[in-house]
C-alpha cells in the first residue's frame, strides 16, 4: 500500500492530509512533508488521519518528532479524525494523552 500526502497552508497554519498506510516504508513521505512545513515556519499543523488505514510505530515516531519540534518553537500539532484502528493504537500506546486528537478536520480561514 502507498501513502499519499498533501498539504494546505495559510498564515502559519497547515493541514496535512495523509491517505493509505503509514509504516516503515512510507513514513519518510510524511516526514518530508512535515519537515517542509517546519522550514516554511508553519507553527500549527493538523494531520488529517481520516484516510490512514494503518499506522505502525515508525509513523507514530514521525508524528511525535514533528510535534516536539513544533512545541519547541511555541506551535503545536493535532491529529484529526483518526479511524478506529489508529485510535486503538493511540489508546494502547498511551499516545492519546500525548497528542491532541480532534474529531474533525478544521477549515482554514479563507479571509
PDB file of N, CA and C in Angstrom:
ATOM      1  N   UNK A   1       0.844  -1.189   0.000  1.00  0.00           N
ATOM      2  CA  UNK A   1       0.000   0.000   0.000  1.00  0.00           C
ATOM      3  C   UNK A   1       0.878   1.237   0.000  1.00  0.00           C
ATOM      4  N   UNK A   2       0.363   2.276  -0.554  1.00  0.00           N
ATOM      5  CA  UNK A   2       1.087   3.536  -0.629  1.00  0.00           C
ATOM      6  C   UNK A   2       0.598   4.513   0.422  1.00  0.00           C
ATOM      7  N   UNK A   3       1.327   5.608   0.526  1.00  0.00           N
ATOM      8  CA  UNK A   3       0.907   6.729   1.356  1.00  0.00           C
ATOM      9  C   UNK A   3       0.935   7.959   0.477  1.00  0.00           C
ATOM     10  N   UNK A   4      -0.187   8.637   0.388  1.00  0.00           N
ATOM     11  CA  UNK A   4      -0.271   9.900  -0.336  1.00  0.00           C
ATOM     12  C   UNK A   4      -0.366  11.016   0.682  1.00  0.00           C
ATOM     13  N   UNK A   5       0.406  12.065   0.467  1.00  0.00           N
ATOM     14  CA  UNK A   5       0.448  13.180   1.401  1.00  0.00           C
ATOM     15  C   UNK A   5       0.267  14.480   0.625  1.00  0.00           C
ATOM     16  N   UNK A   6      -0.646  15.323   1.099  1.00  0.00           N
ATOM     17  CA  UNK A   6      -0.808  16.652   0.521  1.00  0.00           C
ATOM     18  C   UNK A   6      -0.924  17.661   1.649  1.00  0.00           C
ATOM     19  N   UNK A   7      -0.515  18.881   1.374  1.00  0.00           N
ATOM     20  CA  UNK A   7      -0.577  19.923   2.399  1.00  0.00           C
ATOM     21  C   UNK A   7      -1.270  21.164   1.867  1.00  0.00           C
ATOM     22  N   UNK A   8      -1.952  21.833   2.779  1.00  0.00           N
ATOM     23  CA  UNK A   8      -2.556  23.131   2.521  1.00  0.00           C
ATOM     24  C   UNK A   8      -2.120  24.020   3.669  1.00  0.00           C
ATOM     25  N   UNK A   9      -1.557  25.171   3.362  1.00  0.00           N
ATOM     26  CA  UNK A   9      -1.124  26.046   4.451  1.00  0.00           C
ATOM     27  C   UNK A   9      -1.546  27.479   4.197  1.00  0.00           C
ATOM     28  N   UNK A  10      -1.710  28.187   5.301  1.00  0.00           N
ATOM     29  CA  UNK A  10      -2.139  29.581   5.237  1.00  0.00           C
ATOM     30  C   UNK A  10      -1.851  30.252   6.572  1.00  0.00           C
ATOM     31  N   UNK A  11      -1.157  31.360   6.532  1.00  0.00           N
ATOM     32  CA  UNK A  11      -0.913  32.186   7.726  1.00  0.00           C
ATOM     33  C   UNK A  11      -0.348  31.388   8.899  1.00  0.00           C
ATOM     34  N   UNK A  12       0.662  30.574   8.656  1.00  0.00           N
ATOM     35  CA  UNK A  12       1.305  29.838   9.736  1.00  0.00           C
ATOM     36  C   UNK A  12       0.572  28.593  10.196  1.00  0.00           C
ATOM     37  N   UNK A  13      -0.542  28.256   9.551  1.00  0.00           N
ATOM     38  CA  UNK A  13      -1.297  27.057   9.875  1.00  0.00           C
ATOM     39  C   UNK A  13      -1.290  26.127   8.666  1.00  0.00           C
ATOM     40  N   UNK A  14      -1.299  24.829   8.927  1.00  0.00           N
ATOM     41  CA  UNK A  14      -1.298  23.885   7.807  1.00  0.00           C
ATOM     42  C   UNK A  14      -2.146  22.668   8.132  1.00  0.00           C
ATOM     43  N   UNK A  15      -2.730  22.119   7.095  1.00  0.00           N
ATOM     44  CA  UNK A  15      -3.421  20.836   7.197  1.00  0.00           C
ATOM     45  C   UNK A  15      -2.672  19.869   6.290  1.00  0.00           C
ATOM     46  N   UNK A  16      -2.246  18.769   6.874  1.00  0.00           N
ATOM     47  CA  UNK A  16      -1.567  17.719   6.133  1.00  0.00           C
ATOM     48  C   UNK A  16      -2.555  16.561   6.011  1.00  0.00           C
ATOM     49  N   UNK A  17      -2.886  16.208   4.795  1.00  0.00           N
ATOM     50  CA  UNK A  17      -3.808  15.101   4.553  1.00  0.00           C
ATOM     51  C   UNK A  17      -3.001  13.895   4.097  1.00  0.00           C
ATOM     52  N   UNK A  18      -3.134  12.812   4.860  1.00  0.00           N
ATOM     53  CA  UNK A  18      -2.412  11.580   4.535  1.00  0.00           C
ATOM     54  C   UNK A  18      -3.432  10.468   4.309  1.00  0.00           C
ATOM     55  N   UNK A  19      -3.231   9.703   3.254  1.00  0.00           N
ATOM     56  CA  UNK A  19      -4.113   8.569   2.973  1.00  0.00           C
ATOM     57  C   UNK A  19      -3.271   7.352   2.629  1.00  0.00           C
ATOM     58  N   UNK A  20      -3.719   6.207   3.129  1.00  0.00           N
ATOM     59  CA  UNK A  20      -3.012   4.956   2.870  1.00  0.00           C
ATOM     60  C   UNK A  20      -2.477   4.360   4.153  1.00  0.00           C
ATOM     61  N   UNK A  21      -1.319   3.730   4.056  1.00  0.00           N
ATOM     62  CA  UNK A  21      -0.691   3.100   5.206  1.00  0.00           C
ATOM     63  C   UNK A  21       0.558   3.875   5.600  1.00  0.00           C
ATOM     64  N   UNK A  22       0.662   4.149   6.894  1.00  0.00           N
ATOM     65  CA  UNK A  22       1.793   4.889   7.441  1.00  0.00           C
ATOM     66  C   UNK A  22       2.668   3.892   8.186  1.00  0.00           C
ATOM     67  N   UNK A  23       3.764   3.493   7.545  1.00  0.00           N
ATOM     68  CA  UNK A  23       4.614   2.471   8.137  1.00  0.00           C
ATOM     69  C   UNK A  23       6.084   2.763   7.837  1.00  0.00           C
ATOM     70  N   UNK A  24       6.929   1.797   8.136  1.00  0.00           N
ATOM     71  CA  UNK A  24       8.369   1.950   7.962  1.00  0.00           C
ATOM     72  C   UNK A  24       8.731   2.415   6.560  1.00  0.00           C
ATOM     73  N   UNK A  25       8.046   1.913   5.564  1.00  0.00           N
ATOM     74  CA  UNK A  25       8.389   2.204   4.178  1.00  0.00           C
ATOM     75  C   UNK A  25       7.810   3.522   3.676  1.00  0.00           C
ATOM     76  N   UNK A  26       6.670   3.930   4.217  1.00  0.00           N
ATOM     77  CA  UNK A  26       6.006   5.134   3.708  1.00  0.00           C
ATOM     78  C   UNK A  26       6.183   6.354   4.604  1.00  0.00           C
ATOM     79  N   UNK A  27       6.594   6.154   5.844  1.00  0.00           N
ATOM     80  CA  UNK A  27       6.728   7.270   6.793  1.00  0.00           C
ATOM     81  C   UNK A  27       7.642   8.393   6.297  1.00  0.00           C
ATOM     82  N   UNK A  28       8.712   8.088   5.524  1.00  0.00           N
ATOM     83  CA  UNK A  28       9.551   9.202   5.045  1.00  0.00           C
ATOM     84  C   UNK A  28       8.790  10.238   4.212  1.00  0.00           C
ATOM     85  N   UNK A  29       7.711   9.843   3.537  1.00  0.00           N
ATOM     86  CA  UNK A  29       6.919  10.825   2.775  1.00  0.00           C
ATOM     87  C   UNK A  29       6.266  11.834   3.709  1.00  0.00           C
ATOM     88  N   UNK A  30       5.680  11.329   4.792  1.00  0.00           N
ATOM     89  CA  UNK A  30       5.056  12.227   5.758  1.00  0.00           C
ATOM     90  C   UNK A  30       6.119  13.066   6.453  1.00  0.00           C
ATOM     91  N   UNK A  31       7.239  12.437   6.785  1.00  0.00           N
ATOM     92  CA  UNK A  31       8.325  13.153   7.451  1.00  0.00           C
ATOM     93  C   UNK A  31       8.819  14.305   6.578  1.00  0.00           C
ATOM     94  N   UNK A  32       8.958  14.063   5.283  1.00  0.00           N
ATOM     95  CA  UNK A  32       9.413  15.120   4.362  1.00  0.00           C
ATOM     96  C   UNK A  32       8.412  16.266   4.293  1.00  0.00           C
ATOM     97  N   UNK A  33       7.128  15.939   4.257  1.00  0.00           N
ATOM     98  CA  UNK A  33       6.096  16.982   4.212  1.00  0.00           C
ATOM     99  C   UNK A  33       6.113  17.825   5.483  1.00  0.00           C
ATOM    100  N   UNK A  34       6.231  17.168   6.629  1.00  0.00           N
ATOM    101  CA  UNK A  34       6.255  17.898   7.900  1.00  0.00           C
ATOM    102  C   UNK A  34       7.530  18.731   8.029  1.00  0.00           C
ATOM    103  N   UNK A  35       8.659  18.189   7.586  1.00  0.00           N
ATOM    104  CA  UNK A  35       9.917  18.946   7.633  1.00  0.00           C
ATOM    105  C   UNK A  35       9.832  20.190   6.753  1.00  0.00           C
ATOM    106  N   UNK A  36       9.171  20.067   5.602  1.00  0.00           N
ATOM    107  CA  UNK A  36       8.990  21.216   4.727  1.00  0.00           C
ATOM    108  C   UNK A  36       8.172  22.309   5.385  1.00  0.00           C
ATOM    109  N   UNK A  37       7.144  21.925   6.106  1.00  0.00           N
ATOM    110  CA  UNK A  37       6.329  22.912   6.815  1.00  0.00           C
ATOM    111  C   UNK A  37       7.134  23.598   7.911  1.00  0.00           C
ATOM    112  N   UNK A  38       7.950  22.832   8.604  1.00  0.00           N
ATOM    113  CA  UNK A  38       8.795  23.414   9.645  1.00  0.00           C
ATOM    114  C   UNK A  38       9.776  24.420   9.039  1.00  0.00           C
ATOM    115  N   UNK A  39      10.349  24.084   7.885  1.00  0.00           N
ATOM    116  CA  UNK A  39      11.255  25.017   7.201  1.00  0.00           C
ATOM    117  C   UNK A  39      10.523  26.284   6.768  1.00  0.00           C
ATOM    118  N   UNK A  40       9.256  26.130   6.425  1.00  0.00           N
ATOM    119  CA  UNK A  40       8.450  27.273   5.980  1.00  0.00           C
ATOM    120  C   UNK A  40       7.871  28.076   7.144  1.00  0.00           C
ATOM    121  N   UNK A  41       8.317  27.760   8.360  1.00  0.00           N
ATOM    122  CA  UNK A  41       7.891  28.483   9.566  1.00  0.00           C
ATOM    123  C   UNK A  41       6.411  28.333   9.884  1.00  0.00           C
ATOM    124  N   UNK A  42       5.823  27.209   9.546  1.00  0.00           N
ATOM    125  CA  UNK A  42       4.443  26.922   9.944  1.00  0.00           C
ATOM    126  C   UNK A  42       4.475  26.528  11.417  1.00  0.00           C
ATOM    127  N   UNK A  43       3.577  27.106  12.217  1.00  0.00           N
ATOM    128  CA  UNK A  43       3.576  26.859  13.660  1.00  0.00           C
ATOM    129  C   UNK A  43       2.506  25.874  14.117  1.00  0.00           C
ATOM    130  N   UNK A  44       1.392  25.837  13.402  1.00  0.00           N
ATOM    131  CA  UNK A  44       0.264  24.985  13.798  1.00  0.00           C
ATOM    132  C   UNK A  44      -0.049  24.016  12.669  1.00  0.00           C
ATOM    133  N   UNK A  45      -0.005  22.727  12.999  1.00  0.00           N
ATOM    134  CA  UNK A  45      -0.229  21.696  11.994  1.00  0.00           C
ATOM    135  C   UNK A  45      -1.330  20.756  12.463  1.00  0.00           C
ATOM    136  N   UNK A  46      -2.257  20.465  11.563  1.00  0.00           N
ATOM    137  CA  UNK A  46      -3.271  19.440  11.796  1.00  0.00           C
ATOM    138  C   UNK A  46      -3.014  18.345  10.772  1.00  0.00           C
ATOM    139  N   UNK A  47      -2.869  17.116  11.254  1.00  0.00           N
ATOM    140  CA  UNK A  47      -2.692  15.982  10.356  1.00  0.00           C
ATOM    141  C   UNK A  47      -4.036  15.275  10.242  1.00  0.00           C
ATOM    142  N   UNK A  48      -4.590  15.304   9.046  1.00  0.00           N
ATOM    143  CA  UNK A  48      -5.861  14.635   8.767  1.00  0.00           C
ATOM    144  C   UNK A  48      -5.576  13.140   8.636  1.00  0.00           C
ATOM    145  N   UNK A  49      -6.001  12.379   9.648  1.00  0.00           N
ATOM    146  CA  UNK A  49      -5.735  10.939   9.704  1.00  0.00           C
ATOM    147  C   UNK A  49      -6.918  10.116   9.190  1.00  0.00           C
ATOM    148  N   UNK A  50      -7.945  10.771   8.672  1.00  0.00           N
ATOM    149  CA  UNK A  50      -9.161  10.047   8.283  1.00  0.00           C
ATOM    150  C   UNK A  50      -8.928   9.046   7.159  1.00  0.00           C
ATOM    151  N   UNK A  51      -7.853   9.223   6.396  1.00  0.00           N
ATOM    152  CA  UNK A  51      -7.568   8.311   5.298  1.00  0.00           C
ATOM    153  C   UNK A  51      -6.471   7.297   5.603  1.00  0.00           C
ATOM    154  N   UNK A  52      -6.014   7.269   6.855  1.00  0.00           N
ATOM    155  CA  UNK A  52      -4.963   6.327   7.239  1.00  0.00           C
ATOM    156  C   UNK A  52      -5.604   5.007   7.675  1.00  0.00           C
ATOM    157  N   UNK A  53      -5.274   3.942   6.936  1.00  0.00           N
ATOM    158  CA  UNK A  53      -5.805   2.613   7.237  1.00  0.00           C
ATOM    159  C   UNK A  53      -4.984   1.896   8.300  1.00  0.00           C
ATOM    160  N   UNK A  54      -3.691   2.208   8.364  1.00  0.00           N
ATOM    161  CA  UNK A  54      -2.772   1.506   9.259  1.00  0.00           C
ATOM    162  C   UNK A  54      -1.646   2.452   9.619  1.00  0.00           C
ATOM    163  N   UNK A  55      -1.203   2.383  10.870  1.00  0.00           N
ATOM    164  CA  UNK A  55      -0.071   3.206  11.307  1.00  0.00           C
ATOM    165  C   UNK A  55       0.755   2.380  12.283  1.00  0.00           C
ATOM    166  N   UNK A  56       2.062   2.243  11.993  1.00  0.00           N
ATOM    167  CA  UNK A  56       2.919   1.499  12.907  1.00  0.00           C
ATOM    168  C   UNK A  56       3.747   2.468  13.753  1.00  0.00           C
ATOM    169  N   UNK A  57       4.680   1.924  14.517  1.00  0.00           N
ATOM    170  CA  UNK A  57       5.470   2.752  15.432  1.00  0.00           C
ATOM    171  C   UNK A  57       6.334   3.768  14.684  1.00  0.00           C
ATOM    172  N   UNK A  58       6.776   3.435  13.495  1.00  0.00           N
ATOM    173  CA  UNK A  58       7.568   4.393  12.713  1.00  0.00           C
ATOM    174  C   UNK A  58       6.735   5.620  12.385  1.00  0.00           C
ATOM    175  N   UNK A  59       5.491   5.403  11.970  1.00  0.00           N
ATOM    176  CA  UNK A  59       4.593   6.516  11.686  1.00  0.00           C
ATOM    177  C   UNK A  59       4.340   7.367  12.917  1.00  0.00           C
ATOM    178  N   UNK A  60       4.106   6.711  14.044  1.00  0.00           N
ATOM    179  CA  UNK A  60       3.875   7.452  15.292  1.00  0.00           C
ATOM    180  C   UNK A  60       5.104   8.269  15.673  1.00  0.00           C
ATOM    181  N   UNK A  61       6.288   7.701  15.453  1.00  0.00           N
ATOM    182  CA  UNK A  61       7.518   8.430  15.783  1.00  0.00           C
ATOM    183  C   UNK A  61       7.700   9.662  14.910  1.00  0.00           C
ATOM    184  N   UNK A  62       7.318   9.583  13.647  1.00  0.00           N
ATOM    185  CA  UNK A  62       7.378  10.758  12.763  1.00  0.00           C
ATOM    186  C   UNK A  62       6.466  11.854  13.308  1.00  0.00           C
ATOM    187  N   UNK A  63       5.261  11.474  13.703  1.00  0.00           N
ATOM    188  CA  UNK A  63       4.308  12.446  14.253  1.00  0.00           C
ATOM    189  C   UNK A  63       4.815  13.036  15.566  1.00  0.00           C
ATOM    190  N   UNK A  64       5.374  12.184  16.440  1.00  0.00           N
ATOM    191  CA  UNK A  64       5.910  12.661  17.719  1.00  0.00           C
ATOM    192  C   UNK A  64       7.065  13.639  17.517  1.00  0.00           C
ATOM    193  N   UNK A  65       7.965  13.318  16.598  1.00  0.00           N
ATOM    194  CA  UNK A  65       9.113  14.199  16.349  1.00  0.00           C
ATOM    195  C   UNK A  65       8.657  15.561  15.837  1.00  0.00           C
ATOM    196  N   UNK A  66       7.683  15.556  14.923  1.00  0.00           N
ATOM    197  CA  UNK A  66       7.171  16.828  14.402  1.00  0.00           C
ATOM    198  C   UNK A  66       6.488  17.626  15.504  1.00  0.00           C
ATOM    199  N   UNK A  67       5.710  16.945  16.341  1.00  0.00           N
ATOM    200  CA  UNK A  67       5.036  17.634  17.435  1.00  0.00           C
ATOM    201  C   UNK A  67       6.062  18.267  18.377  1.00  0.00           C
ATOM    202  N   UNK A  68       7.119  17.528  18.680  1.00  0.00           N
ATOM    203  CA  UNK A  68       8.154  18.042  19.580  1.00  0.00           C
ATOM    204  C   UNK A  68       8.808  19.292  18.990  1.00  0.00           C
ATOM    205  N   UNK A  69       9.166  19.241  17.713  1.00  0.00           N
ATOM    206  CA  UNK A  69       9.810  20.399  17.085  1.00  0.00           C
ATOM    207  C   UNK A  69       8.881  21.607  17.043  1.00  0.00           C
ATOM    208  N   UNK A  70       7.602  21.372  16.772  1.00  0.00           N
ATOM    209  CA  UNK A  70       6.638  22.479  16.763  1.00  0.00           C
ATOM    210  C   UNK A  70       6.464  23.071  18.155  1.00  0.00           C
ATOM    211  N   UNK A  71       6.378  22.217  19.169  1.00  0.00           N
ATOM    212  CA  UNK A  71       6.213  22.713  20.545  1.00  0.00           C
ATOM    213  C   UNK A  71       7.421  23.515  20.991  1.00  0.00           C
ATOM    214  N   UNK A  72       8.613  23.087  20.559  1.00  0.00           N
ATOM    215  CA  UNK A  72       9.839  23.797  20.940  1.00  0.00           C
ATOM    216  C   UNK A  72       9.815  25.252  20.484  1.00  0.00           C
ATOM    217  N   UNK A  73       9.080  25.535  19.427  1.00  0.00           N
ATOM    218  CA  UNK A  73       9.005  26.922  18.962  1.00  0.00           C
ATOM    219  C   UNK A  73       7.636  27.545  19.181  1.00  0.00           C
ATOM    220  N   UNK A  74       6.893  26.992  20.136  1.00  0.00           N
ATOM    221  CA  UNK A  74       5.636  27.599  20.541  1.00  0.00           C
ATOM    222  C   UNK A  74       4.437  27.214  19.714  1.00  0.00           C
ATOM    223  N   UNK A  75       4.578  26.228  18.847  1.00  0.00           N
ATOM    224  CA  UNK A  75       3.471  25.791  17.994  1.00  0.00           C
ATOM    225  C   UNK A  75       2.836  24.520  18.514  1.00  0.00           C
ATOM    226  N   UNK A  76       2.168  23.809  17.630  1.00  0.00           N
ATOM    227  CA  UNK A  76       1.526  22.575  18.041  1.00  0.00           C
ATOM    228  C   UNK A  76       1.108  21.729  16.859  1.00  0.00           C
ATOM    229  N   UNK A  77       0.800  20.474  17.162  1.00  0.00           N
ATOM    230  CA  UNK A  77       0.353  19.521  16.160  1.00  0.00           C
ATOM    231  C   UNK A  77      -0.862  18.790  16.706  1.00  0.00           C
ATOM    232  N   UNK A  78      -1.894  18.663  15.886  1.00  0.00           N
ATOM    233  CA  UNK A  78      -3.099  17.924  16.252  1.00  0.00           C
ATOM    234  C   UNK A  78      -3.321  16.816  15.242  1.00  0.00           C
ATOM    235  N   UNK A  79      -3.926  15.738  15.709  1.00  0.00           N
ATOM    236  CA  UNK A  79      -4.349  14.661  14.827  1.00  0.00           C
ATOM    237  C   UNK A  79      -5.854  14.762  14.680  1.00  0.00           C
ATOM    238  N   UNK A  80      -6.345  14.723  13.446  1.00  0.00           N
ATOM    239  CA  UNK A  80      -7.777  14.890  13.201  1.00  0.00           C
ATOM    240  C   UNK A  80      -8.378  13.629  12.597  1.00  0.00           C
ATOM    241  N   UNK A  81      -9.530  13.265  13.124  1.00  0.00           N
ATOM    242  CA  UNK A  81     -10.394  12.224  12.559  1.00  0.00           C
ATOM    243  C   UNK A  81      -9.717  10.878  12.314  1.00  0.00           C
ATOM    244  N   UNK A  82      -8.959  10.367  13.304  1.00  0.00           N
ATOM    245  CA  UNK A  82      -8.349   9.052  13.067  1.00  0.00           C
ATOM    246  C   UNK A  82      -9.411   7.954  12.996  1.00  0.00           C
ATOM    247  N   UNK A  83      -9.167   6.965  12.152  1.00  0.00           N
ATOM    248  CA  UNK A  83     -10.050   5.810  12.040  1.00  0.00           C
ATOM    249  C   UNK A  83      -9.926   4.960  13.308  1.00  0.00           C
ATOM    250  N   UNK A  84     -10.897   4.076  13.542  1.00  0.00           N
ATOM    251  CA  UNK A  84     -10.869   3.259  14.768  1.00  0.00           C
ATOM    252  C   UNK A  84      -9.573   2.484  14.985  1.00  0.00           C
ATOM    253  N   UNK A  85      -8.979   1.945  13.935  1.00  0.00           N
ATOM    254  CA  UNK A  85      -7.736   1.178  14.103  1.00  0.00           C
ATOM    255  C   UNK A  85      -6.601   2.065  14.604  1.00  0.00           C
ATOM    256  N   UNK A  86      -6.526   3.283  14.091  1.00  0.00           N
ATOM    257  CA  UNK A  86      -5.483   4.209  14.522  1.00  0.00           C
ATOM    258  C   UNK A  86      -5.789   4.727  15.927  1.00  0.00           C
ATOM    259  N   UNK A  87      -7.044   4.985  16.207  1.00  0.00           N
ATOM    260  CA  UNK A  87      -7.442   5.403  17.558  1.00  0.00           C
ATOM    261  C   UNK A  87      -7.046   4.346  18.572  1.00  0.00           C
ATOM    262  N   UNK A  88      -7.237   3.094  18.217  1.00  0.00           N
ATOM    263  CA  UNK A  88      -6.877   1.979  19.109  1.00  0.00           C
ATOM    264  C   UNK A  88      -5.371   1.972  19.379  1.00  0.00           C
ATOM    265  N   UNK A  89      -4.564   2.193  18.354  1.00  0.00           N
ATOM    266  CA  UNK A  89      -3.109   2.254  18.535  1.00  0.00           C
ATOM    267  C   UNK A  89      -2.742   3.395  19.476  1.00  0.00           C
ATOM    268  N   UNK A  90      -3.376   4.537  19.288  1.00  0.00           N
ATOM    269  CA  UNK A  90      -3.118   5.679  20.168  1.00  0.00           C
ATOM    270  C   UNK A  90      -3.464   5.345  21.614  1.00  0.00           C
ATOM    271  N   UNK A  91      -4.580   4.657  21.814  1.00  0.00           N
ATOM    272  CA  UNK A  91      -5.012   4.302  23.171  1.00  0.00           C
ATOM    273  C   UNK A  91      -4.093   3.263  23.811  1.00  0.00           C
ATOM    274  N   UNK A  92      -3.756   2.230  23.053  1.00  0.00           N
ATOM    275  CA  UNK A  92      -2.919   1.150  23.592  1.00  0.00           C
ATOM    276  C   UNK A  92      -1.531   1.666  23.975  1.00  0.00           C
ATOM    277  N   UNK A  93      -0.996   2.591  23.188  1.00  0.00           N
ATOM    278  CA  UNK A  93       0.336   3.124  23.455  1.00  0.00           C
ATOM    279  C   UNK A  93       0.336   4.288  24.446  1.00  0.00           C
ATOM    280  N   UNK A  94      -0.851   4.786  24.780  1.00  0.00           N
ATOM    281  CA  UNK A  94      -0.942   5.949  25.660  1.00  0.00           C
ATOM    282  C   UNK A  94      -0.723   7.264  24.941  1.00  0.00           C
ATOM    283  N   UNK A  95      -0.552   7.211  23.627  1.00  0.00           N
ATOM    284  CA  UNK A  95      -0.304   8.439  22.873  1.00  0.00           C
ATOM    285  C   UNK A  95      -1.548   9.301  22.724  1.00  0.00           C
ATOM    286  N   UNK A  96      -2.707   8.740  23.054  1.00  0.00           N
ATOM    287  CA  UNK A  96      -3.929   9.558  23.035  1.00  0.00           C
ATOM    288  C   UNK A  96      -3.875  10.645  24.099  1.00  0.00           C
ATOM    289  N   UNK A  97      -2.988  10.487  25.097  1.00  0.00           N
ATOM    290  CA  UNK A  97      -2.823  11.522  26.115  1.00  0.00           C
ATOM    291  C   UNK A  97      -1.675  12.472  25.772  1.00  0.00           C
ATOM    292  N   UNK A  98      -0.904  12.127  24.765  1.00  0.00           N
ATOM    293  CA  UNK A  98       0.219  12.964  24.334  1.00  0.00           C
ATOM    294  C   UNK A  98      -0.208  13.892  23.201  1.00  0.00           C
ATOM    295  N   UNK A  99      -0.897  13.324  22.212  1.00  0.00           N
ATOM    296  CA  UNK A  99      -1.389  14.106  21.083  1.00  0.00           C
ATOM    297  C   UNK A  99      -2.739  14.728  21.417  1.00  0.00           C
ATOM    298  N   UNK A 100      -3.002  15.880  20.828  1.00  0.00           N
ATOM    299  CA  UNK A 100      -4.352  16.437  20.835  1.00  0.00           C
ATOM    300  C   UNK A 100      -5.060  15.808  19.646  1.00  0.00           C
ATOM    301  N   UNK A 101      -6.145  15.080  19.932  1.00  0.00           N
ATOM    302  CA  UNK A 101      -6.893  14.402  18.878  1.00  0.00           C
ATOM    303  C   UNK A 101      -8.265  15.065  18.773  1.00  0.00           C
ATOM    304  N   UNK A 102      -8.615  15.490  17.560  1.00  0.00           N
ATOM    305  CA  UNK A 102      -9.906  16.128  17.323  1.00  0.00           C
ATOM    306  C   UNK A 102     -10.716  15.272  16.356  1.00  0.00           C
ATOM    307  N   UNK A 103     -12.037  15.398  16.455  1.00  0.00           N
ATOM    308  CA  UNK A 103     -12.931  14.553  15.659  1.00  0.00           C
ATOM    309  C   UNK A 103     -13.019  14.938  14.194  1.00  0.00           C
ATOM    310  N   UNK A 104     -12.807  16.216  13.894  1.00  0.00           N
ATOM    311  CA  UNK A 104     -12.982  16.690  12.523  1.00  0.00           C
ATOM    312  C   UNK A 104     -11.801  17.555  12.103  1.00  0.00           C
ATOM    313  N   UNK A 105     -11.582  17.621  10.819  1.00  0.00           N
ATOM    314  CA  UNK A 105     -10.519  18.456  10.269  1.00  0.00           C
ATOM    315  C   UNK A 105     -11.022  19.898  10.214  1.00  0.00           C
ATOM    316  N   UNK A 106     -10.297  20.817  10.823  1.00  0.00           N
ATOM    317  CA  UNK A 106     -10.744  22.214  10.760  1.00  0.00           C
ATOM    318  C   UNK A 106     -10.594  22.781   9.353  1.00  0.00           C
ATOM    319  N   UNK A 107     -11.318  23.819   9.083  1.00  0.00           N
ATOM    320  CA  UNK A 107     -11.236  24.501   7.799  1.00  0.00           C
ATOM    321  C   UNK A 107     -10.345  25.722   7.967  1.00  0.00           C
ATOM    322  N   UNK A 108      -9.377  25.865   7.070  1.00  0.00           N
ATOM    323  CA  UNK A 108      -8.514  27.053   7.130  1.00  0.00           C
ATOM    324  C   UNK A 108      -9.336  28.274   6.734  1.00  0.00           C
ATOM    325  N   UNK A 109      -9.135  29.345   7.454  1.00  0.00           N
ATOM    326  CA  UNK A 109      -9.842  30.600   7.183  1.00  0.00           C
ATOM    327  C   UNK A 109      -9.402  31.172   5.846  1.00  0.00           C
ATOM    328  N   UNK A 110     -10.344  31.400   4.965  1.00  0.00           N
ATOM    329  CA  UNK A 110     -10.029  31.898   3.619  1.00  0.00           C
ATOM    330  C   UNK A 110      -9.864  33.416   3.580  1.00  0.00           C
ATOM    331  N   UNK A 111     -10.122  34.090   4.679  1.00  0.00           N
ATOM    332  CA  UNK A 111     -10.026  35.550   4.660  1.00  0.00           C
ATOM    333  C   UNK A 111      -8.622  36.048   4.832  1.00  0.00           C
TER     334      UNK A 111
END
